[in-house]
C-alpha cells in the first residue's frame, strides 16, 4: 500500500482533493478530483468518495478552507460545513491533519509559482525578502500575506475581505449609500467578488446609470448564477451595463489591493488570486486598475514600485496546500 499525502482546497462552490508522493513534489499530483461542494453534507463524505477504491495510505493531510480557521475547526463561509481535524483524521485512517485558511493555502503556493503561472500588471521594483500580499476575488474575497522569517517567506492568514468597504470615488460613495439600504454590513466581499458583482450590476441598473437590455434581463433571470454572464458580456463588450459593472469592479479591486499593499508593506509584490482575475485580464491591463491601486496620496510613488501579478495557476490553493503538506520550501531548494 502506497504511503501518500492528501491536499485539499475547500470552497463554497467546489472541493478539490489530490494525492501526492514526497518524491514527485507538489506540482505533480498522483490523483486529483473535483466535487461540487453542495452535493455533499460534509468534507468527510467527500474524502471518503475520493479515497474509495484507492490502494493508498494517507500519512498526512493539509486542507485549505474558505473560511476562518480557529484551532482545530473551520467554518466554510459560504457553505454549511464545519471542518474539524479530528473527524477528517478518522476519515483518512487516523493520520495528522492541518487546516489552512484558503488564502493562507494560496500564500503557500506563491513562492513556488513558475513565471508561466503569472501575468505581470506592474513589474515595479521588488525588494528582496519584502512582504508579499495576496488578494483573491472568487466566490468570495480573500486576503493573506507572507513575511520573511529566517530563510523563507511565512504565510499569514487574514479575513481582510470582510473589512468595511471604503469608497474612494464619488460613484463608489453612491454605491455604498445604495447598499446600506440592503445590507447591515457592507464588506469588500459585497462589492469585490463573484457574489459582489451582481450588487454592482443592480446598483447601476436601479440608479439608472446604465440601461438593462430586455434580453439580458431575461437571461439573468434564468441563470442560476448571474456573475459568469455579466463577465462574459463585459469581456465581449456587448452590453454597456456589464462593461460598466466590470469597470467599477476593477476600480474597487485595484483600490483594495493598494490598501493591502500599504497595510502589510508588500514591497515584494501583490498577487491577485481567485477565479475572477484570470478571466478579466483585458480589464486589469487597462490603466484604471493601477490608477486605483496607486491612488493613495503621498504614498502613490511608493505603490508605483510595488510589483503586481495575476496568478494564472488553475489550482493555486490546492498547489499551496500540497506545498504545505510536503514541507516544500523553494528558497531552501
Protein backbone atom coordinates (compact mmCIF):
# COMPACT_ATOMS: atom_id res chain seq x y z
CA UNK A 1 0.00 0.00 0.00
CA UNK A 2 1.39 3.38 -1.06
CA UNK A 3 2.00 6.00 1.64
CA UNK A 4 0.71 9.27 0.24
CA UNK A 5 -0.12 12.83 1.26
CA UNK A 6 -3.57 14.39 0.88
CA UNK A 7 -4.10 18.04 -0.05
CA UNK A 8 -7.44 19.78 -0.45
CA UNK A 9 -8.99 23.08 -1.47
CA UNK A 10 -12.49 23.52 0.01
CA UNK A 11 -14.65 26.31 -1.39
CA UNK A 12 -18.28 27.31 -1.35
CA UNK A 13 -18.73 26.08 -4.93
CA UNK A 14 -16.33 23.17 -5.31
CA UNK A 15 -13.91 20.99 -3.36
CA UNK A 16 -10.71 19.73 -4.98
CA UNK A 17 -8.72 16.86 -3.47
CA UNK A 18 -5.44 15.32 -4.60
CA UNK A 19 -2.90 12.70 -3.51
CA UNK A 20 0.85 13.30 -3.64
CA UNK A 21 4.06 11.41 -3.00
CA UNK A 22 7.11 13.00 -1.42
CA UNK A 23 9.34 12.13 -4.38
CA UNK A 24 7.05 13.65 -7.06
CA UNK A 25 6.55 17.05 -5.40
CA UNK A 26 3.57 19.43 -5.12
CA UNK A 27 3.19 20.14 -8.84
CA UNK A 28 2.60 16.51 -9.85
CA UNK A 29 -0.48 15.03 -8.13
CA UNK A 30 -0.89 11.29 -8.50
CA UNK A 31 -4.68 11.51 -8.26
CA UNK A 32 -6.94 14.56 -8.40
CA UNK A 33 -10.72 15.05 -8.42
CA UNK A 34 -13.20 17.92 -8.15
CA UNK A 35 -16.51 17.63 -6.29
CA UNK A 36 -19.50 20.04 -6.19
CA UNK A 37 -19.48 21.09 -2.54
CA UNK A 38 -23.25 21.46 -2.26
CA UNK A 39 -23.75 17.84 -3.31
CA UNK A 40 -22.24 16.61 -0.03
CA UNK A 41 -23.17 17.09 3.61
CA UNK A 42 -19.58 17.21 4.88
CA UNK A 43 -15.95 17.20 3.86
CA UNK A 44 -15.59 13.74 5.39
CA UNK A 45 -18.13 12.43 2.88
CA UNK A 46 -16.16 13.99 0.01
CA UNK A 47 -12.90 12.47 1.25
CA UNK A 48 -14.48 9.04 1.57
CA UNK A 49 -15.77 9.28 -2.00
CA UNK A 50 -12.35 10.38 -3.22
CA UNK A 51 -10.39 7.63 -1.46
CA UNK A 52 -12.87 4.84 -2.26
CA UNK A 53 -11.19 2.01 -4.15
CA UNK A 54 -7.70 3.53 -3.93
CA UNK A 55 -4.91 1.35 -2.54
CA UNK A 56 -3.35 4.19 -0.60
CA UNK A 57 -2.47 5.04 2.99
CA UNK A 58 -2.65 8.77 3.75
CA UNK A 59 0.13 9.71 6.17
CA UNK A 60 -0.73 13.40 6.46
CA UNK A 61 -3.26 15.92 5.13
CA UNK A 62 -3.37 19.68 4.61
CA UNK A 63 -6.73 21.19 3.76
CA UNK A 64 -7.32 24.77 2.64
CA UNK A 65 -10.77 26.01 3.71
CA UNK A 66 -12.64 29.10 2.50
CA UNK A 67 -13.32 30.44 5.97
CA UNK A 68 -11.66 31.31 9.27
CA UNK A 69 -9.65 28.57 10.99
CA UNK A 70 -9.87 28.61 14.78
CA UNK A 71 -7.85 25.92 16.49
CA UNK A 72 -8.91 22.55 15.11
CA UNK A 73 -12.05 23.77 13.35
CA UNK A 74 -13.02 25.86 10.35
CA UNK A 75 -16.43 27.12 9.27
CA UNK A 76 -16.80 27.37 5.50
CA UNK A 77 -18.06 30.93 4.98
CA UNK A 78 -20.36 30.24 2.02
CA UNK A 79 -21.22 26.62 2.81
CA UNK A 80 -22.93 24.92 5.74
CA UNK A 81 -19.92 22.80 6.68
CA UNK A 82 -17.90 22.69 9.88
CA UNK A 83 -14.50 21.17 9.13
CA UNK A 84 -12.82 19.50 12.10
CA UNK A 85 -9.36 17.96 12.16
CA UNK A 86 -10.34 15.01 14.36
CA UNK A 87 -13.18 13.85 12.10
CA UNK A 88 -11.05 14.32 8.98
CA UNK A 89 -8.28 12.35 10.66
CA UNK A 90 -10.72 9.49 11.25
CA UNK A 91 -11.76 9.62 7.58
CA UNK A 92 -8.13 9.12 6.47
CA UNK A 93 -7.25 6.45 8.98
CA UNK A 94 -6.02 8.45 11.98
CA UNK A 95 -3.19 10.42 10.34
CA UNK A 96 -2.50 14.06 11.34
CA UNK A 97 -4.42 16.86 9.62
CA UNK A 98 -3.63 20.56 9.23
CA UNK A 99 -6.29 23.14 8.39
CA UNK A 100 -5.35 26.26 6.44
CA UNK A 101 -7.40 29.27 5.52
CA UNK A 102 -7.87 29.12 1.73
CA UNK A 103 -5.88 32.32 1.20
CA UNK A 104 -3.19 31.01 3.51
CA UNK A 105 -3.03 27.98 1.20
CA UNK A 106 -2.63 30.23 -1.86
CA UNK A 107 0.08 32.11 0.02
CA UNK A 108 1.99 28.84 0.46
CA UNK A 109 1.90 28.49 -3.33
CA UNK A 110 3.20 31.97 -4.16
CA UNK A 111 6.96 31.41 -3.60
CA UNK A 112 6.85 28.25 -5.76
CA UNK A 113 4.91 29.66 -8.72
CA UNK A 114 6.69 29.47 -12.07
CA UNK A 115 6.95 32.55 -14.34
CA UNK A 116 4.38 30.92 -16.62
CA UNK A 117 1.95 30.89 -13.68
CA UNK A 118 1.94 34.70 -13.51
CA UNK A 119 0.79 37.65 -15.62
CA UNK A 120 2.55 40.83 -14.53
CA UNK A 121 0.49 44.01 -14.43
CA UNK A 122 3.24 46.14 -12.92
CA UNK A 123 6.88 44.95 -12.79
CA UNK A 124 7.69 47.51 -10.10
CA UNK A 125 10.89 47.37 -8.11
CA UNK A 126 10.58 44.39 -5.74
CA UNK A 127 12.57 44.42 -2.54
CA UNK A 128 14.40 41.21 -1.74
CA UNK A 129 12.69 39.43 1.17
CA UNK A 130 9.94 42.08 1.19
CA UNK A 131 6.48 41.14 2.40
CA UNK A 132 4.04 39.76 -0.18
CA UNK A 133 0.29 40.38 -0.30
CA UNK A 134 -2.36 38.11 -1.79
CA UNK A 135 -5.90 39.22 -2.64
CA UNK A 136 -8.25 36.77 -4.33
CA UNK A 137 -11.74 37.52 -5.65
CA UNK A 138 -13.54 34.27 -6.38
CA UNK A 139 -16.92 33.24 -4.99
CA UNK A 140 -15.97 35.46 -2.04
CA UNK A 141 -12.98 37.71 -1.39
CA UNK A 142 -9.93 36.51 0.49
CA UNK A 143 -6.71 38.18 1.60
CA UNK A 144 -3.44 36.95 3.08
CA UNK A 145 0.22 37.91 3.21
CA UNK A 146 3.71 36.49 3.62
CA UNK A 147 6.59 37.80 5.72
CA UNK A 148 10.24 36.76 5.55
CA UNK A 149 11.33 34.87 8.65
CA UNK A 150 14.70 33.17 8.83
CA UNK A 151 15.29 31.90 5.31
CA UNK A 152 11.85 31.76 3.71
CA UNK A 153 8.51 33.53 3.41
CA UNK A 154 5.94 32.50 6.04
CA UNK A 155 2.22 32.82 5.13
CA UNK A 156 -0.22 34.54 7.45
CA UNK A 157 -4.00 34.15 7.20
CA UNK A 158 -6.47 37.01 7.45
CA UNK A 159 -10.14 37.78 6.93
CA UNK A 160 -9.44 41.12 5.29
CA UNK A 161 -12.08 40.54 2.64
CA UNK A 162 -14.74 41.11 5.30
CA UNK A 163 -13.41 44.51 6.34
CA UNK A 164 -15.66 47.52 5.72
CA UNK A 165 -15.87 48.74 2.14
CA UNK A 166 -14.44 52.27 1.95
CA UNK A 167 -15.37 54.18 -1.23
CA UNK A 168 -12.64 56.18 -2.95
CA UNK A 169 -14.65 57.81 -5.77
CA UNK A 170 -17.97 59.65 -5.93
CA UNK A 171 -19.71 56.77 -7.70
CA UNK A 172 -18.44 54.40 -5.00
CA UNK A 173 -19.89 56.74 -2.37
CA UNK A 174 -23.27 56.39 -4.10
CA UNK A 175 -22.77 52.63 -4.28
CA UNK A 176 -22.19 52.49 -0.53
CA UNK A 177 -25.33 54.50 0.13
CA UNK A 178 -27.31 52.20 -2.15
CA UNK A 179 -26.05 49.04 -0.43
CA UNK A 180 -26.66 50.40 3.07
CA UNK A 181 -30.38 50.01 2.39
CA UNK A 182 -29.85 46.33 1.54
CA UNK A 183 -27.24 45.04 3.98
CA UNK A 184 -26.33 45.63 7.62
CA UNK A 185 -22.61 45.31 6.85
CA UNK A 186 -21.04 46.26 3.53
CA UNK A 187 -17.75 44.44 3.32
CA UNK A 188 -15.32 44.44 0.42
CA UNK A 189 -16.63 40.96 -0.37
CA UNK A 190 -20.08 42.52 -1.03
CA UNK A 191 -18.62 44.54 -3.90
CA UNK A 192 -15.45 42.73 -4.99
CA UNK A 193 -16.20 39.05 -5.54
CA UNK A 194 -18.33 36.69 -7.58
CA UNK A 195 -21.21 37.28 -5.18
CA UNK A 196 -20.50 41.01 -5.23
CA UNK A 197 -20.63 41.60 -8.98
CA UNK A 198 -24.45 41.30 -9.13
CA UNK A 199 -24.64 44.00 -6.43
CA UNK A 200 -22.66 46.36 -8.66
CA UNK A 201 -24.87 45.48 -11.60
CA UNK A 202 -28.05 46.09 -9.59
CA UNK A 203 -26.71 49.45 -8.41
CA UNK A 204 -26.05 50.64 -11.96
CA UNK A 205 -29.45 49.38 -13.11
CA UNK A 206 -31.55 50.65 -10.21
CA UNK A 207 -29.93 54.10 -10.18
CA UNK A 208 -30.44 54.28 -13.96
CA UNK A 209 -26.76 54.88 -14.61
CA UNK A 210 -26.90 52.12 -17.23
CA UNK A 211 -29.90 50.67 -19.03
CA UNK A 212 -30.61 46.96 -18.78
CA UNK A 213 -31.49 45.37 -22.15
CA UNK A 214 -34.61 43.19 -22.04
CA UNK A 215 -32.78 40.19 -23.50
CA UNK A 216 -30.09 40.43 -20.81
CA UNK A 217 -32.73 40.78 -18.09
CA UNK A 218 -34.35 37.55 -19.26
CA UNK A 219 -31.04 35.67 -19.42
CA UNK A 220 -30.04 36.80 -15.94
CA UNK A 221 -33.43 35.81 -14.54
CA UNK A 222 -32.95 32.26 -15.85
CA UNK A 223 -29.31 31.93 -14.79
CA UNK A 224 -28.51 30.07 -11.54
CA UNK A 225 -25.53 32.43 -11.13
CA UNK A 226 -25.59 35.79 -12.97
CA UNK A 227 -21.89 36.54 -12.44
CA UNK A 228 -20.47 34.49 -15.37
CA UNK A 229 -22.99 36.08 -17.75
CA UNK A 230 -22.07 39.59 -16.61
CA UNK A 231 -18.35 38.88 -17.04
CA UNK A 232 -18.77 37.22 -20.43
CA UNK A 233 -20.85 40.10 -21.77
CA UNK A 234 -18.35 42.65 -20.43
CA UNK A 235 -15.35 40.88 -21.97
CA UNK A 236 -17.22 40.69 -25.29
CA UNK A 237 -18.05 44.40 -24.98
CA UNK A 238 -21.67 43.75 -25.94
CA UNK A 239 -23.66 45.20 -23.05
CA UNK A 240 -22.81 48.65 -21.70
CA UNK A 241 -24.22 47.87 -18.25
CA UNK A 242 -21.94 44.81 -17.98
CA UNK A 243 -18.93 46.81 -19.17
CA UNK A 244 -19.64 49.49 -16.57
CA UNK A 245 -20.15 46.82 -13.89
CA UNK A 246 -16.74 45.32 -14.59
CA UNK A 247 -15.11 48.76 -14.77
CA UNK A 248 -16.46 49.52 -11.29
CA UNK A 249 -15.34 46.10 -10.03
CA UNK A 250 -11.79 46.63 -11.33
CA UNK A 251 -11.55 50.05 -9.72
CA UNK A 252 -12.65 48.67 -6.34
CA UNK A 253 -10.28 45.71 -6.64
CA UNK A 254 -7.37 48.00 -7.51
CA UNK A 255 -8.10 50.25 -4.54
CA UNK A 256 -8.34 47.38 -2.07
CA UNK A 257 -5.19 45.73 -3.47
CA UNK A 258 -3.42 49.03 -2.83
CA UNK A 259 -4.85 49.10 0.69
CA UNK A 260 -3.44 45.63 1.33
CA UNK A 261 -0.03 46.69 0.00
CA UNK A 262 0.01 49.58 2.47
CA UNK A 263 -1.21 47.55 5.44
CA UNK A 264 1.44 44.84 5.16
CA UNK A 265 4.14 46.92 3.39
CA UNK A 266 4.11 44.48 0.48
CA UNK A 267 7.34 45.73 -1.06
CA UNK A 268 7.91 42.26 -2.51
CA UNK A 269 4.70 42.36 -4.52
CA UNK A 270 0.95 41.92 -4.63
CA UNK A 271 -0.57 38.76 -6.12
CA UNK A 272 -4.13 38.61 -7.46
CA UNK A 273 -5.54 35.12 -6.97
CA UNK A 274 -9.00 33.61 -7.17
CA UNK A 275 -11.05 32.60 -10.17
CA UNK A 276 -12.00 36.06 -11.45
CA UNK A 277 -8.70 37.89 -12.27
CA UNK A 278 -7.53 35.44 -14.99
CA UNK A 279 -10.94 35.81 -16.67
CA UNK A 280 -10.82 39.62 -16.76
CA UNK A 281 -7.19 40.20 -17.75
CA UNK A 282 -8.09 42.66 -20.56
CA UNK A 283 -9.74 44.91 -17.96
CA UNK A 284 -6.95 44.54 -15.40
CA UNK A 285 -4.41 45.55 -18.04
CA UNK A 286 -6.19 48.85 -18.60
CA UNK A 287 -4.97 51.96 -16.78
CA UNK A 288 -7.92 52.05 -14.35
CA UNK A 289 -6.66 49.18 -12.17
CA UNK A 290 -3.19 50.58 -11.48
CA UNK A 291 -4.62 54.09 -11.17
CA UNK A 292 -6.86 52.89 -8.36
CA UNK A 293 -4.02 50.81 -6.88
CA UNK A 294 -1.68 53.80 -6.59
CA UNK A 295 -4.32 56.41 -5.66
CA UNK A 296 -3.03 56.76 -2.09
CA UNK A 297 -1.97 60.38 -1.86
CA UNK A 298 1.57 60.78 -0.56
CA UNK A 299 2.18 57.04 -0.92
CA UNK A 300 1.34 56.91 -4.63
CA UNK A 301 5.01 56.85 -5.66
CA UNK A 302 5.82 54.05 -3.23
CA UNK A 303 2.94 51.95 -4.53
CA UNK A 304 4.02 52.52 -8.12
CA UNK A 305 7.14 50.50 -7.24
CA UNK A 306 5.15 47.54 -5.84
CA UNK A 307 5.03 44.67 -8.35
CA UNK A 308 1.54 43.39 -9.17
CA UNK A 309 0.94 39.93 -10.62
CA UNK A 310 -2.11 37.88 -11.57
CA UNK A 311 -1.90 34.20 -10.57
CA UNK A 312 -2.75 32.08 -13.62
CA UNK A 313 -2.19 28.70 -11.95
CA UNK A 314 -5.60 26.97 -12.21
CA UNK A 315 -5.28 25.24 -8.83
CA UNK A 316 -3.18 27.63 -6.74
CA UNK A 317 -4.99 26.80 -3.49
CA UNK A 318 -4.52 23.06 -3.97
CA UNK A 319 -0.90 23.57 -5.04
CA UNK A 320 -0.28 25.63 -1.90
CA UNK A 321 -1.87 23.01 0.35
CA UNK A 322 0.36 20.42 -1.34
CA UNK A 323 3.45 22.60 -0.70
CA UNK A 324 2.43 22.77 2.96
CA UNK A 325 1.75 19.08 3.47
CA UNK A 326 5.02 18.13 1.76
CA UNK A 327 7.05 20.80 3.60
CA UNK A 328 8.08 22.34 0.29
CA UNK A 329 10.26 25.46 0.65
CA UNK A 330 11.76 26.57 -2.68
CA UNK A 331 14.10 29.14 -1.09
CA UNK A 332 15.97 26.28 0.52
CA UNK A 333 15.93 24.03 -2.54
